Amino acid sequence: MRRVAVLGAAAVDPQVVDGVDEVIVLDPSPGALLELLARVRDARYAFLLGELPVLPLPDAWVDDVVGAEGVGDPELARIRR
């Protein structure tokens, strides 16, 4: 199973997640997540409140992170497989 985390509702791009089994969208704004939920009708998507520096995901949970500027961030390393 290929799983991707997307940091920020604005960073969701259908082409980036093509071929992905699960997409976890994290955003600190409930409004942004609700707006995205209304537009994206895809069972592969999950929507969570969250942002760096602490993400509400288990260790080694995702294969990739989209929308992350801090590539060397230890929190991103923690959630990647």
Protein backbone atom coordinates (compact mmCIF):
# COMPACT_ATOMS: atom_id res chain seq x y z
CA MET A 1 0.00 0.00 0.00
CA ARG A 2 1.39 3.36 -1.03
CA ARG A 3 0.46 6.16 1.38
CA VAL A 4 1.20 9.89 0.96
CA ALA A 5 0.81 12.76 3.41
CA VAL A 6 -0.05 16.18 1.98
CA LEU A 7 0.84 19.13 4.18
CA GLY A 8 -1.72 21.83 3.52
CA ALA A 9 -5.06 21.59 1.76
CA ALA A 10 -3.77 23.98 -0.92
CA ALA A 11 -1.01 21.49 -1.81
CA VAL A 12 -3.46 18.80 -2.97
CA ASP A 13 -2.81 18.03 -6.62
CA PRO A 14 -4.57 15.05 -8.23
CA GLN A 15 -1.54 14.39 -10.48
CA VAL A 16 0.81 14.10 -7.50
CA VAL A 17 -1.32 11.42 -5.86
CA ASP A 18 -1.98 9.39 -9.01
CA GLY A 19 -1.28 5.74 -8.25
CA VAL A 20 -1.47 6.26 -4.48
CA ASP A 21 -3.66 4.02 -2.30
CA GLU A 22 -4.19 6.49 0.55
CA VAL A 23 -3.79 10.27 0.80
CA ILE A 24 -3.72 11.95 4.21
CA VAL A 25 -4.28 15.70 3.99
CA LEU A 26 -3.13 17.67 7.02
CA ASP A 27 -4.05 21.31 7.55
CA PRO A 28 -4.40 23.51 10.66
CA SER A 29 -7.64 25.05 9.34
CA PRO A 30 -10.94 23.17 9.75
CA GLY A 31 -12.43 25.47 7.09
CA ALA A 32 -9.77 24.60 4.52
CA LEU A 33 -10.28 20.88 5.17
CA LEU A 34 -14.08 21.18 4.89
CA GLU A 35 -13.75 23.10 1.62
CA LEU A 36 -11.43 20.46 0.21
CA LEU A 37 -13.72 17.67 1.42
CA ALA A 38 -16.60 19.25 -0.50
CA ARG A 39 -14.52 19.26 -3.72
CA VAL A 40 -12.70 15.95 -3.44
CA ARG A 41 -15.00 12.95 -3.50
CA ASP A 42 -12.43 10.18 -3.38
CA ALA A 43 -12.45 7.39 -0.79
CA ARG A 44 -8.63 7.33 -0.80
CA TYR A 45 -8.50 10.70 0.99
CA ALA A 46 -8.45 11.23 4.76
CA PHE A 47 -8.51 14.71 6.31
CA LEU A 48 -6.76 15.56 9.60
CA LEU A 49 -6.12 18.71 11.58
CA GLY A 50 -2.37 19.13 11.92
CA GLU A 51 0.78 20.89 10.85
CA LEU A 52 4.50 20.99 11.52
CA PRO A 53 6.30 20.88 13.93
CA VAL A 54 4.21 17.94 15.24
CA LEU A 55 2.15 15.78 12.87
CA PRO A 56 -0.59 13.46 14.19
CA LEU A 57 0.73 10.40 12.36
CA PRO A 58 2.51 7.26 13.57
CA ASP A 59 6.21 6.63 12.96
CA ALA A 60 7.08 5.29 9.48
CA TRP A 61 3.48 5.71 8.30
CA VAL A 62 3.83 7.32 4.84
CA ASP A 63 5.90 6.68 1.74
CA ASP A 64 6.16 10.33 0.76
CA VAL A 65 5.27 13.85 1.91
CA VAL A 66 3.93 16.51 -0.48
CA GLY A 67 3.96 20.22 0.29
CA ALA A 68 6.82 20.05 2.77
CA GLU A 69 9.33 22.88 2.57
CA GLY A 70 11.45 21.63 5.45
CA VAL A 71 12.77 18.52 3.71
CA GLY A 72 15.29 17.85 6.48
CA ASP A 73 12.73 18.31 9.27
CA PRO A 74 13.03 15.50 11.84
CA GLU A 75 9.24 15.19 12.04
CA LEU A 76 9.07 14.43 8.32
CA ALA A 77 11.81 11.83 8.72
CA ARG A 78 9.85 10.29 11.61
CA ILE A 79 6.64 9.76 9.63
CA ARG A 80 8.34 8.50 6.43
CA ARG A 81 8.98 4.79 5.90
